[in-house]
Amino acid sequence: MVTTKNAQHRSGAGSSAPDPGSTLGRGRGHLSLSALTRLLVACYLAVAPAAMAAGCSAQAGLTTRSVSYSVTARQNYKKGLKSLKSKSFEEAAKYFKFVKSRYPFSKYATLSELRLADVLRDSEKFIAAIDAYKTFIKEHPTHPMVESGYASFNVGMSYWKLTPGDFFIIPPSEEKDQTSTEAAMLAFKRFLKKFPDSPHTKKAKEYYLKALHRLAAHELYVARFYLGRGKPKGAIFRLEYLIRRYPDAGVEPRVMFLLGKTYLRLNKRAQALKVFQKIVKKYPNNYNAKKAQRYVALIRREFGLK
């Protein structure tokens, strides 16, 4: 094999940089630099996936430890709780499943069934967790963890974890699909009605209001979307739906004011006047009431309506 420097000297190129397409040697069968580069890239692409898979398998093997079962149901249940707390989810699941199968008539078997739902929740398998909590509620309706609201609360929280979030590089949450938000809102609403004195009631109310606000924001976004594209009728439909569907969202004065203005845009002055009057009467201290009062005076003056 002849070095590039020697090849340059023999060809009279001196110390100039080699041509990327020049050969790496003289004689038949030697590769150019560009051809060699392509060959190396092809080899990397062929080998890398297998190497990565092997690495991932090795890493997964490190996180999966064998478990040491104890003699009693309580001991194994406690070990499962310890593993769950340390986020060793596979290990925790093994302990809880062992308790269920080996001690089916123990109270720890029932508790282990609930903790398996907790494992799914904490490992972010929220859809499976929802099913597990609902099954536990159905099969053990008088269990203390059902009667305290724990299982029902976690149904709502698992739905909430599925809701779209806000990230600076993608559209805000109110512009996305709200199916999970609606499910979370309904779950928390049922919880608050059934468990008014639960230890989880305060937090459930907090997330219920969060879900309501997000759903209301979504409907308001859609209404404004229609208005921006010259479709006021579509906007009216969404605004009226918002007021009717989410009365506890705390946005009614603002939504009603926009509804009144949209009625005026369609020359539906009587409907607009009725909406503005309702704002003034129902929310006299809201800042939208002052603006609504000006529209009431304008409609009466310009169109003679009362």
C-alpha atoms as a PDB file:
ATOM      1  CA  MET A   1       0.000   0.000   0.000  1.00  0.00           C
ATOM      2  CA  VAL A   2       1.441   3.409  -0.976  1.00  0.00           C
ATOM      3  CA  THR A   3       0.730   6.385   1.276  1.00  0.00           C
ATOM      4  CA  THR A   4      -1.036   9.459  -0.049  1.00  0.00           C
ATOM      5  CA  LYS A   5       2.020  11.604   0.555  1.00  0.00           C
ATOM      6  CA  ASN A   6       4.235   9.298  -1.525  1.00  0.00           C
ATOM      7  CA  ALA A   7       1.581   9.144  -4.234  1.00  0.00           C
ATOM      8  CA  GLN A   8       1.509  12.924  -4.405  1.00  0.00           C
ATOM      9  CA  HIS A   9       5.301  13.137  -4.605  1.00  0.00           C
ATOM     10  CA  ARG A  10       5.448  10.673  -7.463  1.00  0.00           C
ATOM     11  CA  SER A  11       2.730  12.508  -9.393  1.00  0.00           C
ATOM     12  CA  GLY A  12       4.424  15.866  -8.896  1.00  0.00           C
ATOM     13  CA  ALA A  13       1.628  17.307  -6.700  1.00  0.00           C
ATOM     14  CA  GLY A  14       4.026  18.314  -3.946  1.00  0.00           C
ATOM     15  CA  SER A  15       2.360  19.113  -0.622  1.00  0.00           C
ATOM     16  CA  SER A  16      -1.060  19.937  -2.045  1.00  0.00           C
ATOM     17  CA  ALA A  17      -4.131  18.279  -0.455  1.00  0.00           C
ATOM     18  CA  PRO A  18      -5.134  14.965  -2.020  1.00  0.00           C
ATOM     19  CA  ASP A  19      -8.150  14.745  -4.276  1.00  0.00           C
ATOM     20  CA  PRO A  20     -11.065  13.026  -2.452  1.00  0.00           C
ATOM     21  CA  GLY A  21     -11.495  10.805  -5.448  1.00  0.00           C
ATOM     22  CA  SER A  22      -7.847   9.820  -5.742  1.00  0.00           C
ATOM     23  CA  THR A  23      -6.817   6.210  -5.225  1.00  0.00           C
ATOM     24  CA  LEU A  24      -5.241   4.997  -2.005  1.00  0.00           C
ATOM     25  CA  GLY A  25      -2.668   3.075  -3.859  1.00  0.00           C
ATOM     26  CA  ARG A  26      -1.434   1.975  -7.193  1.00  0.00           C
ATOM     27  CA  GLY A  27      -2.356  -1.216  -8.744  1.00  0.00           C
ATOM     28  CA  ARG A  28      -5.441  -3.102  -9.605  1.00  0.00           C
ATOM     29  CA  GLY A  29      -8.276  -3.452  -7.120  1.00  0.00           C
ATOM     30  CA  HIS A  30      -7.463  -0.481  -4.833  1.00  0.00           C
ATOM     31  CA  LEU A  31     -10.381   1.707  -3.689  1.00  0.00           C
ATOM     32  CA  SER A  32     -10.765   5.479  -3.964  1.00  0.00           C
ATOM     33  CA  LEU A  33     -11.380   7.500  -0.788  1.00  0.00           C
ATOM     34  CA  SER A  34     -15.002   8.154  -1.745  1.00  0.00           C
ATOM     35  CA  ALA A  35     -15.615   4.485  -2.460  1.00  0.00           C
ATOM     36  CA  LEU A  36     -13.992   3.494   0.836  1.00  0.00           C
ATOM     37  CA  THR A  37     -16.140   6.030   2.688  1.00  0.00           C
ATOM     38  CA  ARG A  38     -19.299   4.611   1.161  1.00  0.00           C
ATOM     39  CA  LEU A  39     -18.204   1.121   2.126  1.00  0.00           C
ATOM     40  CA  LEU A  40     -17.543   2.112   5.738  1.00  0.00           C
ATOM     41  CA  VAL A  41     -20.918   3.857   6.002  1.00  0.00           C
ATOM     42  CA  ALA A  42     -22.687   0.803   4.602  1.00  0.00           C
ATOM     43  CA  CYS A  43     -20.906  -1.437   7.095  1.00  0.00           C
ATOM     44  CA  TYR A  44     -21.868   0.875   9.976  1.00  0.00           C
ATOM     45  CA  LEU A  45     -25.507   0.920   8.942  1.00  0.00           C
ATOM     46  CA  ALA A  46     -25.525  -2.854   8.772  1.00  0.00           C
ATOM     47  CA  VAL A  47     -23.858  -3.404  12.152  1.00  0.00           C
ATOM     48  CA  ALA A  48     -25.170  -0.486  14.261  1.00  0.00           C
ATOM     49  CA  PRO A  49     -28.789  -1.663  14.712  1.00  0.00           C
ATOM     50  CA  ALA A  50     -27.663  -5.058  15.989  1.00  0.00           C
ATOM     51  CA  ALA A  51     -25.137  -3.428  18.332  1.00  0.00           C
ATOM     52  CA  MET A  52     -27.762  -1.040  19.664  1.00  0.00           C
ATOM     53  CA  ALA A  53     -30.237  -3.858  20.181  1.00  0.00           C
ATOM     54  CA  ALA A  54     -27.631  -5.848  22.071  1.00  0.00           C
ATOM     55  CA  GLY A  55     -26.825  -2.821  24.212  1.00  0.00           C
ATOM     56  CA  CYS A  56     -30.496  -2.240  24.994  1.00  0.00           C
ATOM     57  CA  SER A  57     -30.958  -5.896  25.867  1.00  0.00           C
ATOM     58  CA  ALA A  58     -27.995  -5.731  28.190  1.00  0.00           C
ATOM     59  CA  GLN A  59     -29.332  -2.605  29.848  1.00  0.00           C
ATOM     60  CA  ALA A  60     -32.782  -4.141  30.242  1.00  0.00           C
ATOM     61  CA  GLY A  61     -31.189  -7.158  31.842  1.00  0.00           C
ATOM     62  CA  LEU A  62     -29.537  -4.924  34.417  1.00  0.00           C
ATOM     63  CA  THR A  63     -32.873  -3.456  35.471  1.00  0.00           C
ATOM     64  CA  THR A  64     -34.630  -6.826  35.765  1.00  0.00           C
ATOM     65  CA  ARG A  65     -33.495  -8.419  39.013  1.00  0.00           C
ATOM     66  CA  SER A  66     -34.541 -11.767  40.374  1.00  0.00           C
ATOM     67  CA  VAL A  67     -36.740 -11.543  43.438  1.00  0.00           C
ATOM     68  CA  SER A  68     -36.457 -13.415  46.710  1.00  0.00           C
ATOM     69  CA  TYR A  69     -39.850 -14.463  47.966  1.00  0.00           C
ATOM     70  CA  SER A  70     -40.573 -14.691  51.674  1.00  0.00           C
ATOM     71  CA  VAL A  71     -42.713 -17.120  53.664  1.00  0.00           C
ATOM     72  CA  THR A  72     -45.820 -15.067  54.416  1.00  0.00           C
ATOM     73  CA  ALA A  73     -48.235 -13.028  52.330  1.00  0.00           C
ATOM     74  CA  ARG A  74     -47.576  -9.943  54.443  1.00  0.00           C
ATOM     75  CA  GLN A  75     -43.806 -10.152  53.970  1.00  0.00           C
ATOM     76  CA  ASN A  76     -44.096 -10.461  50.205  1.00  0.00           C
ATOM     77  CA  TYR A  77     -46.648  -7.646  50.076  1.00  0.00           C
ATOM     78  CA  LYS A  78     -44.288  -5.400  52.048  1.00  0.00           C
ATOM     79  CA  LYS A  79     -41.462  -6.248  49.657  1.00  0.00           C
ATOM     80  CA  GLY A  80     -43.714  -5.316  46.763  1.00  0.00           C
ATOM     81  CA  LEU A  81     -44.508  -1.962  48.372  1.00  0.00           C
ATOM     82  CA  LYS A  82     -40.800  -1.296  48.881  1.00  0.00           C
ATOM     83  CA  SER A  83     -40.073  -2.096  45.229  1.00  0.00           C
ATOM     84  CA  LEU A  84     -42.960   0.100  44.095  1.00  0.00           C
ATOM     85  CA  LYS A  85     -41.673   2.997  46.187  1.00  0.00           C
ATOM     86  CA  SER A  86     -38.200   2.631  44.651  1.00  0.00           C
ATOM     87  CA  LYS A  87     -39.750   2.508  41.159  1.00  0.00           C
ATOM     88  CA  SER A  88     -38.660  -1.082  40.556  1.00  0.00           C
ATOM     89  CA  PHE A  89     -41.937  -1.774  38.807  1.00  0.00           C
ATOM     90  CA  GLU A  90     -41.234  -5.225  37.356  1.00  0.00           C
ATOM     91  CA  GLU A  91     -39.980  -6.429  40.699  1.00  0.00           C
ATOM     92  CA  ALA A  92     -43.003  -4.984  42.515  1.00  0.00           C
ATOM     93  CA  ALA A  93     -45.385  -6.622  40.055  1.00  0.00           C
ATOM     94  CA  LYS A  94     -43.741 -10.011  40.660  1.00  0.00           C
ATOM     95  CA  TYR A  95     -44.257  -9.750  44.409  1.00  0.00           C
ATOM     96  CA  PHE A  96     -47.890  -8.672  44.101  1.00  0.00           C
ATOM     97  CA  LYS A  97     -48.700 -11.378  41.552  1.00  0.00           C
ATOM     98  CA  PHE A  98     -47.020 -13.952  43.794  1.00  0.00           C
ATOM     99  CA  VAL A  99     -49.190 -12.905  46.743  1.00  0.00           C
ATOM    100  CA  LYS A 100     -52.347 -13.104  44.618  1.00  0.00           C
ATOM    101  CA  SER A 101     -51.599 -16.580  43.322  1.00  0.00           C
ATOM    102  CA  ARG A 102     -50.024 -18.142  46.450  1.00  0.00           C
ATOM    103  CA  TYR A 103     -52.321 -16.602  49.099  1.00  0.00           C
ATOM    104  CA  PRO A 104     -55.642 -16.018  47.290  1.00  0.00           C
ATOM    105  CA  PHE A 105     -57.726 -15.866  50.489  1.00  0.00           C
ATOM    106  CA  SER A 106     -55.465 -13.449  52.317  1.00  0.00           C
ATOM    107  CA  LYS A 107     -56.386  -9.773  52.674  1.00  0.00           C
ATOM    108  CA  TYR A 108     -53.002  -9.077  51.101  1.00  0.00           C
ATOM    109  CA  ALA A 109     -54.140 -10.772  47.916  1.00  0.00           C
ATOM    110  CA  THR A 110     -56.854  -8.148  47.493  1.00  0.00           C
ATOM    111  CA  LEU A 111     -54.443  -5.359  48.387  1.00  0.00           C
ATOM    112  CA  SER A 112     -51.944  -6.748  45.898  1.00  0.00           C
ATOM    113  CA  GLU A 113     -54.589  -6.525  43.184  1.00  0.00           C
ATOM    114  CA  LEU A 114     -54.947  -2.822  43.944  1.00  0.00           C
ATOM    115  CA  ARG A 115     -51.190  -2.321  44.053  1.00  0.00           C
ATOM    116  CA  LEU A 116     -50.844  -3.877  40.619  1.00  0.00           C
ATOM    117  CA  ALA A 117     -53.045  -1.034  39.410  1.00  0.00           C
ATOM    118  CA  ASP A 118     -50.669   1.358  41.201  1.00  0.00           C
ATOM    119  CA  VAL A 119     -47.739  -0.254  39.385  1.00  0.00           C
ATOM    120  CA  LEU A 120     -49.430   0.407  36.050  1.00  0.00           C
ATOM    121  CA  ARG A 121     -50.171   4.004  37.052  1.00  0.00           C
ATOM    122  CA  ASP A 122     -46.645   4.758  38.266  1.00  0.00           C
ATOM    123  CA  SER A 123     -45.064   3.130  35.220  1.00  0.00           C
ATOM    124  CA  GLU A 124     -47.222   5.455  33.070  1.00  0.00           C
ATOM    125  CA  LYS A 125     -49.391   2.711  31.586  1.00  0.00           C
ATOM    126  CA  PHE A 126     -52.428   4.830  32.262  1.00  0.00           C
ATOM    127  CA  ILE A 127     -55.013   3.116  30.054  1.00  0.00           C
ATOM    128  CA  ALA A 128     -54.252  -0.255  31.643  1.00  0.00           C
ATOM    129  CA  ALA A 129     -54.276   1.398  35.075  1.00  0.00           C
ATOM    130  CA  ILE A 130     -57.754   2.837  34.470  1.00  0.00           C
ATOM    131  CA  ASP A 131     -59.076  -0.633  33.592  1.00  0.00           C
ATOM    132  CA  ALA A 132     -57.389  -2.146  36.658  1.00  0.00           C
ATOM    133  CA  TYR A 133     -58.832   0.432  39.067  1.00  0.00           C
ATOM    134  CA  LYS A 134     -62.317   0.095  37.558  1.00  0.00           C
ATOM    135  CA  THR A 135     -62.126  -3.701  37.844  1.00  0.00           C
ATOM    136  CA  PHE A 136     -61.058  -3.414  41.479  1.00  0.00           C
ATOM    137  CA  ILE A 137     -63.994  -1.092  42.230  1.00  0.00           C
ATOM    138  CA  LYS A 138     -66.417  -3.474  40.547  1.00  0.00           C
ATOM    139  CA  GLU A 139     -65.127  -6.628  42.237  1.00  0.00           C
ATOM    140  CA  HIS A 140     -64.511  -5.135  45.708  1.00  0.00           C
ATOM    141  CA  PRO A 141     -67.165  -2.410  46.184  1.00  0.00           C
ATOM    142  CA  THR A 142     -66.990  -2.506  49.991  1.00  0.00           C
ATOM    143  CA  HIS A 143     -63.200  -2.541  50.277  1.00  0.00           C
ATOM    144  CA  PRO A 144     -61.823   0.329  52.419  1.00  0.00           C
ATOM    145  CA  MET A 145     -59.707   1.574  49.490  1.00  0.00           C
ATOM    146  CA  VAL A 146     -62.867   1.802  47.402  1.00  0.00           C
ATOM    147  CA  GLU A 147     -65.032   3.338  50.108  1.00  0.00           C
ATOM    148  CA  SER A 148     -62.361   5.942  50.868  1.00  0.00           C
ATOM    149  CA  GLY A 149     -62.387   7.009  47.220  1.00  0.00           C
ATOM    150  CA  TYR A 150     -58.762   5.995  46.582  1.00  0.00           C
ATOM    151  CA  ALA A 151     -59.479   3.806  43.559  1.00  0.00           C
ATOM    152  CA  SER A 152     -61.982   6.231  42.020  1.00  0.00           C
ATOM    153  CA  PHE A 153     -59.628   9.171  42.523  1.00  0.00           C
ATOM    154  CA  ASN A 154     -56.865   7.318  40.693  1.00  0.00           C
ATOM    155  CA  VAL A 155     -59.197   6.615  37.784  1.00  0.00           C
ATOM    156  CA  GLY A 156     -59.564  10.370  37.382  1.00  0.00           C
ATOM    157  CA  MET A 157     -55.841  11.018  37.817  1.00  0.00           C
ATOM    158  CA  SER A 158     -54.959   8.381  35.230  1.00  0.00           C
ATOM    159  CA  TYR A 159     -57.306  10.030  32.743  1.00  0.00           C
ATOM    160  CA  TRP A 160     -55.735  13.385  33.574  1.00  0.00           C
ATOM    161  CA  LYS A 161     -52.254  12.024  32.868  1.00  0.00           C
ATOM    162  CA  LEU A 162     -53.455  11.180  29.357  1.00  0.00           C
ATOM    163  CA  THR A 163     -54.518  14.768  28.629  1.00  0.00           C
ATOM    164  CA  PRO A 164     -52.440  16.883  26.225  1.00  0.00           C
ATOM    165  CA  GLY A 165     -49.814  19.086  27.821  1.00  0.00           C
ATOM    166  CA  ASP A 166     -48.261  22.435  26.964  1.00  0.00           C
ATOM    167  CA  PHE A 167     -44.828  22.515  25.332  1.00  0.00           C
ATOM    168  CA  PHE A 168     -43.262  25.556  23.773  1.00  0.00           C
ATOM    169  CA  ILE A 169     -42.584  23.883  20.425  1.00  0.00           C
ATOM    170  CA  ILE A 170     -46.100  22.579  19.796  1.00  0.00           C
ATOM    171  CA  PRO A 171     -49.597  24.143  19.915  1.00  0.00           C
ATOM    172  CA  PRO A 172     -51.100  24.898  23.344  1.00  0.00           C
ATOM    173  CA  SER A 173     -53.186  22.220  25.022  1.00  0.00           C
ATOM    174  CA  GLU A 174     -56.557  23.842  24.271  1.00  0.00           C
ATOM    175  CA  GLU A 175     -55.940  23.409  20.541  1.00  0.00           C
ATOM    176  CA  LYS A 176     -55.616  19.614  20.821  1.00  0.00           C
ATOM    177  CA  ASP A 177     -58.057  16.749  21.167  1.00  0.00           C
ATOM    178  CA  GLN A 178     -59.751  16.849  24.577  1.00  0.00           C
ATOM    179  CA  THR A 179     -61.196  13.319  24.813  1.00  0.00           C
ATOM    180  CA  SER A 180     -59.071  12.420  27.844  1.00  0.00           C
ATOM    181  CA  THR A 181     -59.743  15.808  29.444  1.00  0.00           C
ATOM    182  CA  GLU A 182     -63.494  15.220  29.155  1.00  0.00           C
ATOM    183  CA  ALA A 183     -63.087  11.750  30.675  1.00  0.00           C
ATOM    184  CA  ALA A 184     -61.024  13.152  33.547  1.00  0.00           C
ATOM    185  CA  MET A 185     -63.566  15.905  34.204  1.00  0.00           C
ATOM    186  CA  LEU A 186     -66.432  13.403  34.366  1.00  0.00           C
ATOM    187  CA  ALA A 187     -64.443  11.038  36.603  1.00  0.00           C
ATOM    188  CA  PHE A 188     -63.654  13.823  39.079  1.00  0.00           C
ATOM    189  CA  LYS A 189     -67.240  15.084  38.931  1.00  0.00           C
ATOM    190  CA  ARG A 190     -68.548  11.633  39.864  1.00  0.00           C
ATOM    191  CA  PHE A 191     -65.919  11.353  42.584  1.00  0.00           C
ATOM    192  CA  LEU A 192     -66.887  14.685  44.183  1.00  0.00           C
ATOM    193  CA  LYS A 193     -70.532  13.684  44.208  1.00  0.00           C
ATOM    194  CA  LYS A 194     -69.899  10.262  45.723  1.00  0.00           C
ATOM    195  CA  PHE A 195     -67.015  11.053  48.094  1.00  0.00           C
ATOM    196  CA  PRO A 196     -67.549  14.569  49.499  1.00  0.00           C
ATOM    197  CA  ASP A 197     -65.573  13.753  52.666  1.00  0.00           C
ATOM    198  CA  SER A 198     -62.746  11.720  51.171  1.00  0.00           C
ATOM    199  CA  PRO A 199     -59.095  12.553  51.961  1.00  0.00           C
ATOM    200  CA  HIS A 200     -58.716  12.995  48.189  1.00  0.00           C
ATOM    201  CA  THR A 201     -61.628  15.433  47.776  1.00  0.00           C
ATOM    202  CA  LYS A 202     -59.531  18.608  47.866  1.00  0.00           C
ATOM    203  CA  LYS A 203     -57.177  17.409  45.165  1.00  0.00           C
ATOM    204  CA  ALA A 204     -60.028  15.971  43.112  1.00  0.00           C
ATOM    205  CA  LYS A 205     -61.758  19.361  43.117  1.00  0.00           C
ATOM    206  CA  GLU A 206     -58.519  21.020  42.016  1.00  0.00           C
ATOM    207  CA  TYR A 207     -58.163  18.729  39.010  1.00  0.00           C
ATOM    208  CA  TYR A 208     -61.872  18.905  38.243  1.00  0.00           C
ATOM    209  CA  LEU A 209     -61.566  22.676  37.853  1.00  0.00           C
ATOM    210  CA  LYS A 210     -58.374  22.301  35.815  1.00  0.00           C
ATOM    211  CA  ALA A 211     -60.171  19.961  33.429  1.00  0.00           C
ATOM    212  CA  LEU A 212     -63.167  22.300  33.220  1.00  0.00           C
ATOM    213  CA  HIS A 213     -60.976  25.297  32.411  1.00  0.00           C
ATOM    214  CA  ARG A 214     -59.129  23.393  29.713  1.00  0.00           C
ATOM    215  CA  LEU A 215     -62.365  22.174  28.115  1.00  0.00           C
ATOM    216  CA  ALA A 216     -63.816  25.686  28.201  1.00  0.00           C
ATOM    217  CA  ALA A 217     -60.619  27.089  26.695  1.00  0.00           C
ATOM    218  CA  HIS A 218     -60.862  24.530  23.893  1.00  0.00           C
ATOM    219  CA  GLU A 219     -64.448  25.492  23.038  1.00  0.00           C
ATOM    220  CA  LEU A 220     -63.504  29.176  23.122  1.00  0.00           C
ATOM    221  CA  TYR A 221     -60.558  28.463  20.818  1.00  0.00           C
ATOM    222  CA  VAL A 222     -62.849  26.675  18.350  1.00  0.00           C
ATOM    223  CA  ALA A 223     -65.394  29.517  18.462  1.00  0.00           C
ATOM    224  CA  ARG A 224     -62.697  32.084  17.718  1.00  0.00           C
ATOM    225  CA  PHE A 225     -61.391  29.827  14.958  1.00  0.00           C
ATOM    226  CA  TYR A 226     -64.809  29.990  13.288  1.00  0.00           C
ATOM    227  CA  LEU A 227     -65.015  33.749  13.760  1.00  0.00           C
ATOM    228  CA  GLY A 228     -61.594  34.202  12.198  1.00  0.00           C
ATOM    229  CA  ARG A 229     -62.761  32.335   9.117  1.00  0.00           C
ATOM    230  CA  GLY A 230     -65.986  34.244   8.704  1.00  0.00           C
ATOM    231  CA  LYS A 231     -68.305  31.577  10.130  1.00  0.00           C
ATOM    232  CA  PRO A 232     -70.203  33.316  12.970  1.00  0.00           C
ATOM    233  CA  LYS A 233     -72.978  30.695  13.047  1.00  0.00           C
ATOM    234  CA  GLY A 234     -70.453  28.009  13.876  1.00  0.00           C
ATOM    235  CA  ALA A 235     -69.017  30.260  16.560  1.00  0.00           C
ATOM    236  CA  ILE A 236     -72.455  30.804  18.111  1.00  0.00           C
ATOM    237  CA  PHE A 237     -73.047  27.057  18.264  1.00  0.00           C
ATOM    238  CA  ARG A 238     -69.764  26.474  20.138  1.00  0.00           C
ATOM    239  CA  LEU A 239     -70.272  29.414  22.506  1.00  0.00           C
ATOM    240  CA  GLU A 240     -73.790  28.319  23.420  1.00  0.00           C
ATOM    241  CA  TYR A 241     -72.542  24.754  23.899  1.00  0.00           C
ATOM    242  CA  LEU A 242     -69.755  26.020  26.182  1.00  0.00           C
ATOM    243  CA  ILE A 243     -72.201  27.943  28.402  1.00  0.00           C
ATOM    244  CA  ARG A 244     -74.597  24.998  28.564  1.00  0.00           C
ATOM    245  CA  ARG A 245     -72.006  22.248  29.032  1.00  0.00           C
ATOM    246  CA  TYR A 246     -69.494  23.868  31.409  1.00  0.00           C
ATOM    247  CA  PRO A 247     -71.383  26.344  33.624  1.00  0.00           C
ATOM    248  CA  ASP A 248     -68.880  25.900  36.479  1.00  0.00           C
ATOM    249  CA  ALA A 249     -65.827  26.805  34.404  1.00  0.00           C
ATOM    250  CA  GLY A 250     -65.926  30.435  35.515  1.00  0.00           C
ATOM    251  CA  VAL A 251     -65.766  31.875  31.995  1.00  0.00           C
ATOM    252  CA  GLU A 252     -69.461  32.580  31.390  1.00  0.00           C
ATOM    253  CA  PRO A 253     -69.327  36.426  31.449  1.00  0.00           C
ATOM    254  CA  ARG A 254     -66.525  36.510  28.884  1.00  0.00           C
ATOM    255  CA  VAL A 255     -68.166  33.881  26.701  1.00  0.00           C
ATOM    256  CA  MET A 256     -71.560  35.569  26.878  1.00  0.00           C
ATOM    257  CA  PHE A 257     -70.046  38.910  25.880  1.00  0.00           C
ATOM    258  CA  LEU A 258     -68.460  37.319  22.810  1.00  0.00           C
ATOM    259  CA  LEU A 259     -71.781  35.608  22.048  1.00  0.00           C
ATOM    260  CA  GLY A 260     -73.625  38.950  22.158  1.00  0.00           C
ATOM    261  CA  LYS A 261     -71.120  40.550  19.805  1.00  0.00           C
ATOM    262  CA  THR A 262     -71.447  37.599  17.418  1.00  0.00           C
ATOM    263  CA  TYR A 263     -75.247  37.959  17.389  1.00  0.00           C
ATOM    264  CA  LEU A 264     -74.774  41.620  16.438  1.00  0.00           C
ATOM    265  CA  ARG A 265     -72.460  40.557  13.638  1.00  0.00           C
ATOM    266  CA  LEU A 266     -75.373  38.561  12.219  1.00  0.00           C
ATOM    267  CA  ASN A 267     -77.777  41.480  12.806  1.00  0.00           C
ATOM    268  CA  LYS A 268     -79.628  39.455  15.443  1.00  0.00           C
ATOM    269  CA  ARG A 269     -80.076  42.499  17.636  1.00  0.00           C
ATOM    270  CA  ALA A 270     -82.844  41.158  19.893  1.00  0.00           C
ATOM    271  CA  GLN A 271     -80.772  38.076  20.815  1.00  0.00           C
ATOM    272  CA  ALA A 272     -77.703  40.256  21.371  1.00  0.00           C
ATOM    273  CA  LEU A 273     -79.634  42.631  23.614  1.00  0.00           C
ATOM    274  CA  LYS A 274     -80.938  39.718  25.676  1.00  0.00           C
ATOM    275  CA  VAL A 275     -77.435  38.334  26.190  1.00  0.00           C
ATOM    276  CA  PHE A 276     -75.946  41.698  27.181  1.00  0.00           C
ATOM    277  CA  GLN A 277     -78.789  42.334  29.634  1.00  0.00           C
ATOM    278  CA  LYS A 278     -78.236  38.939  31.218  1.00  0.00           C
ATOM    279  CA  ILE A 279     -74.556  39.717  31.757  1.00  0.00           C
ATOM    280  CA  VAL A 280     -75.407  42.998  33.468  1.00  0.00           C
ATOM    281  CA  LYS A 281     -77.994  41.354  35.720  1.00  0.00           C
ATOM    282  CA  LYS A 282     -76.157  38.135  36.553  1.00  0.00           C
ATOM    283  CA  TYR A 283     -72.597  39.465  36.839  1.00  0.00           C
ATOM    284  CA  PRO A 284     -72.911  43.147  37.868  1.00  0.00           C
ATOM    285  CA  ASN A 285     -69.383  43.298  39.313  1.00  0.00           C
ATOM    286  CA  ASN A 286     -67.645  41.621  36.398  1.00  0.00           C
ATOM    287  CA  TYR A 287     -65.674  43.873  34.053  1.00  0.00           C
ATOM    288  CA  ASN A 288     -67.637  42.440  31.099  1.00  0.00           C
ATOM    289  CA  ALA A 289     -70.834  43.840  32.640  1.00  0.00           C
ATOM    290  CA  LYS A 290     -69.659  47.416  32.069  1.00  0.00           C
ATOM    291  CA  LYS A 291     -68.931  46.707  28.420  1.00  0.00           C
ATOM    292  CA  ALA A 292     -72.259  44.886  28.075  1.00  0.00           C
ATOM    293  CA  GLN A 293     -74.079  47.901  29.537  1.00  0.00           C
ATOM    294  CA  ARG A 294     -72.653  50.111  26.790  1.00  0.00           C
ATOM    295  CA  TYR A 295     -73.925  47.679  24.144  1.00  0.00           C
ATOM    296  CA  VAL A 296     -77.377  47.661  25.776  1.00  0.00           C
ATOM    297  CA  ALA A 297     -77.495  51.465  25.567  1.00  0.00           C
ATOM    298  CA  LEU A 298     -76.262  51.392  21.947  1.00  0.00           C
ATOM    299  CA  ILE A 299     -78.846  48.846  20.776  1.00  0.00           C
ATOM    300  CA  ARG A 300     -81.684  50.703  22.483  1.00  0.00           C
ATOM    301  CA  ARG A 301     -80.597  54.012  21.044  1.00  0.00           C
ATOM    302  CA  GLU A 302     -79.829  52.901  17.481  1.00  0.00           C
ATOM    303  CA  PHE A 303     -82.539  50.290  16.968  1.00  0.00           C
ATOM    304  CA  GLY A 304     -85.251  51.223  19.472  1.00  0.00           C
ATOM    305  CA  LEU A 305     -85.254  47.878  21.220  1.00  0.00           C
ATOM    306  CA  LYS A 306     -86.019  47.451  24.905  1.00  0.00           C
END
